[in-house]
Structure formats: structure tokens, C-alpha cells
N, C-alpha and C. Protein backbone atom coordinates (compact mmCIF):
# COMPACT_ATOMS: atom_id res chain seq x y z
N MET A 1 121.73 70.05 182.87
CA MET A 1 121.28 68.99 183.75
C MET A 1 120.46 67.98 182.98
N GLU A 2 120.46 66.79 183.48
CA GLU A 2 119.74 65.69 182.86
C GLU A 2 118.23 65.82 183.09
N LEU A 3 117.45 65.52 182.06
CA LEU A 3 116.00 65.51 182.15
C LEU A 3 115.53 64.06 182.15
N LEU A 4 114.70 63.70 183.13
CA LEU A 4 114.15 62.35 183.20
C LEU A 4 112.64 62.43 183.24
N LEU A 5 111.99 61.62 182.42
CA LEU A 5 110.54 61.52 182.39
C LEU A 5 110.16 60.20 183.06
N TYR A 6 109.28 60.26 184.04
CA TYR A 6 108.82 59.06 184.74
C TYR A 6 107.33 58.88 184.50
N GLY A 7 106.94 57.66 184.18
CA GLY A 7 105.53 57.29 184.13
C GLY A 7 105.22 56.58 185.44
N LEU A 8 104.18 57.02 186.13
CA LEU A 8 103.83 56.48 187.44
C LEU A 8 102.52 55.70 187.39
N ASN A 9 102.45 54.62 188.18
CA ASN A 9 101.20 53.87 188.28
C ASN A 9 100.30 54.55 189.31
N GLU A 10 99.14 53.97 189.59
CA GLU A 10 98.18 54.59 190.50
C GLU A 10 98.69 54.70 191.93
N ALA A 11 99.66 53.87 192.30
CA ALA A 11 100.24 53.94 193.64
C ALA A 11 101.37 54.98 193.72
N GLY A 12 101.67 55.63 192.58
CA GLY A 12 102.73 56.62 192.57
C GLY A 12 104.12 56.04 192.39
N GLU A 13 104.17 54.76 192.04
CA GLU A 13 105.46 54.09 191.82
C GLU A 13 105.84 54.20 190.35
N PRO A 14 107.14 54.35 190.07
CA PRO A 14 107.57 54.43 188.68
C PRO A 14 107.25 53.16 187.89
N ALA A 15 106.60 53.33 186.75
CA ALA A 15 106.31 52.22 185.85
C ALA A 15 107.36 52.17 184.74
N PHE A 16 107.94 53.33 184.42
CA PHE A 16 109.02 53.40 183.45
C PHE A 16 109.73 54.73 183.62
N ALA A 17 110.91 54.81 183.06
CA ALA A 17 111.68 56.07 183.05
C ALA A 17 112.31 56.22 181.68
N GLU A 18 112.41 57.46 181.25
CA GLU A 18 112.98 57.76 179.94
C GLU A 18 113.87 59.00 180.06
N ARG A 19 115.08 58.90 179.55
CA ARG A 19 115.97 60.06 179.51
C ARG A 19 115.59 60.94 178.33
N LEU A 20 115.53 62.23 178.57
CA LEU A 20 115.22 63.17 177.50
C LEU A 20 116.47 63.99 177.19
N GLN A 21 116.59 64.36 175.95
CA GLN A 21 117.72 65.17 175.52
C GLN A 21 117.41 66.65 175.80
N PRO A 22 118.43 67.45 176.07
CA PRO A 22 118.20 68.87 176.35
C PRO A 22 117.41 69.59 175.25
N HIS A 23 117.60 69.19 174.00
CA HIS A 23 116.88 69.84 172.91
C HIS A 23 115.38 69.50 172.91
N GLN A 24 114.96 68.53 173.73
CA GLN A 24 113.54 68.16 173.82
C GLN A 24 112.79 69.01 174.85
N ARG A 25 113.46 69.94 175.50
CA ARG A 25 112.84 70.74 176.56
C ARG A 25 111.55 71.41 176.08
N HIS A 26 111.54 71.92 174.87
CA HIS A 26 110.35 72.61 174.36
C HIS A 26 109.19 71.66 174.08
N GLU A 27 109.46 70.34 174.09
CA GLU A 27 108.44 69.33 173.81
C GLU A 27 107.93 68.63 175.08
N LEU A 28 108.35 69.08 176.25
CA LEU A 28 108.07 68.34 177.49
C LEU A 28 106.58 68.08 177.71
N ARG A 29 105.76 69.10 177.60
CA ARG A 29 104.33 68.92 177.87
C ARG A 29 103.70 67.94 176.87
N ALA A 30 104.06 68.04 175.61
CA ALA A 30 103.50 67.13 174.60
C ALA A 30 103.95 65.69 174.86
N LEU A 31 105.21 65.50 175.19
CA LEU A 31 105.71 64.15 175.48
C LEU A 31 105.03 63.57 176.71
N ALA A 32 104.90 64.37 177.75
CA ALA A 32 104.26 63.91 178.98
C ALA A 32 102.79 63.56 178.74
N THR A 33 102.09 64.40 178.00
CA THR A 33 100.68 64.15 177.71
C THR A 33 100.51 62.86 176.92
N GLU A 34 101.40 62.61 175.99
CA GLU A 34 101.36 61.37 175.21
C GLU A 34 101.50 60.15 176.11
N HIS A 35 102.35 60.22 177.12
CA HIS A 35 102.57 59.09 178.02
C HIS A 35 101.41 58.87 178.99
N LEU A 36 100.55 59.86 179.17
CA LEU A 36 99.39 59.68 180.05
C LEU A 36 98.41 58.64 179.52
N THR A 37 98.51 58.27 178.26
CA THR A 37 97.63 57.23 177.72
C THR A 37 97.94 55.87 178.32
N ARG A 38 99.15 55.69 178.87
CA ARG A 38 99.50 54.39 179.45
C ARG A 38 99.92 54.45 180.91
N CYS A 39 99.92 55.64 181.50
CA CYS A 39 100.30 55.80 182.90
C CYS A 39 99.28 56.67 183.62
N HIS A 40 99.22 56.52 184.94
CA HIS A 40 98.31 57.33 185.74
C HIS A 40 98.81 58.76 185.88
N ALA A 41 100.13 58.91 185.97
CA ALA A 41 100.74 60.24 186.12
C ALA A 41 102.09 60.23 185.43
N VAL A 42 102.55 61.42 185.09
CA VAL A 42 103.85 61.58 184.45
C VAL A 42 104.56 62.75 185.12
N GLU A 43 105.83 62.56 185.43
CA GLU A 43 106.65 63.63 186.01
C GLU A 43 107.91 63.78 185.18
N VAL A 44 108.37 65.02 185.05
CA VAL A 44 109.64 65.29 184.41
C VAL A 44 110.52 65.97 185.46
N TRP A 45 111.71 65.41 185.63
CA TRP A 45 112.65 65.90 186.63
C TRP A 45 113.89 66.44 185.95
N GLU A 46 114.37 67.55 186.44
CA GLU A 46 115.65 68.12 186.03
C GLU A 46 116.53 68.10 187.27
N GLY A 47 117.42 67.12 187.32
CA GLY A 47 118.21 66.93 188.53
C GLY A 47 117.25 66.61 189.69
N PRO A 48 117.37 67.31 190.81
CA PRO A 48 116.53 67.03 191.98
C PRO A 48 115.18 67.74 191.98
N THR A 49 114.84 68.44 190.89
CA THR A 49 113.63 69.26 190.86
C THR A 49 112.61 68.73 189.86
N CYS A 50 111.38 68.52 190.32
CA CYS A 50 110.29 68.14 189.43
C CYS A 50 109.84 69.41 188.71
N ILE A 51 109.96 69.44 187.39
CA ILE A 51 109.62 70.64 186.62
C ILE A 51 108.28 70.52 185.90
N LEU A 52 107.71 69.31 185.87
CA LEU A 52 106.40 69.12 185.24
C LEU A 52 105.76 67.88 185.85
N ARG A 53 104.48 68.02 186.23
CA ARG A 53 103.73 66.87 186.77
C ARG A 53 102.34 66.91 186.16
N LEU A 54 101.98 65.84 185.48
CA LEU A 54 100.64 65.71 184.90
C LEU A 54 100.00 64.44 185.44
N ARG A 55 98.69 64.51 185.64
CA ARG A 55 97.98 63.35 186.17
C ARG A 55 96.66 63.22 185.43
N ARG A 56 96.25 61.98 185.18
CA ARG A 56 94.94 61.76 184.56
C ARG A 56 93.87 62.23 185.52
N GLY A 57 92.82 62.81 184.98
CA GLY A 57 91.70 63.25 185.82
C GLY A 57 90.93 62.06 186.34
N GLY A 58 90.41 62.17 187.54
CA GLY A 58 89.60 61.11 188.13
C GLY A 58 88.16 61.24 187.70
N ALA A 59 87.38 60.26 188.07
CA ALA A 59 85.95 60.29 187.76
C ALA A 59 85.28 61.35 188.61
N PRO A 60 84.30 62.05 188.05
CA PRO A 60 83.61 63.08 188.84
C PRO A 60 82.87 62.47 190.01
N ASP A 61 82.74 63.24 191.11
CA ASP A 61 82.02 62.76 192.30
C ASP A 61 80.54 62.73 192.06
């Protein structure tokens, strides 16, 4: 199945999408973490299933 990485803005809307190759599966967390420097959240989808979701931490209360 196809792997898609989405960078999301603060409203949860896609800011960009990137296709990942099957051989990159072992690198998913590192790739997603790298993209958090320019996006509010990152999701990786395999077909209809979100298999990884990372979000920048908010400011403490």
C-alpha cells in the first residue's frame, strides 16, 4: 500500500503531502519529526489508515 506523509497547519489542513517509498517504512518517525520543524502536525497514512501522528507540543498552561 502507498504511504503518504502530510504536514498539517494549525487548523489541521494539509500544508503539503509527500509520497514515501515502501523501503522508507523504518524511517517514518524520523522523517515525520524532521517535518515538525515547519508544520504544526504530521501524519503518515497507509491507504485509509493513519499509522503515525505527531504534533508539536503547546505552551504550558
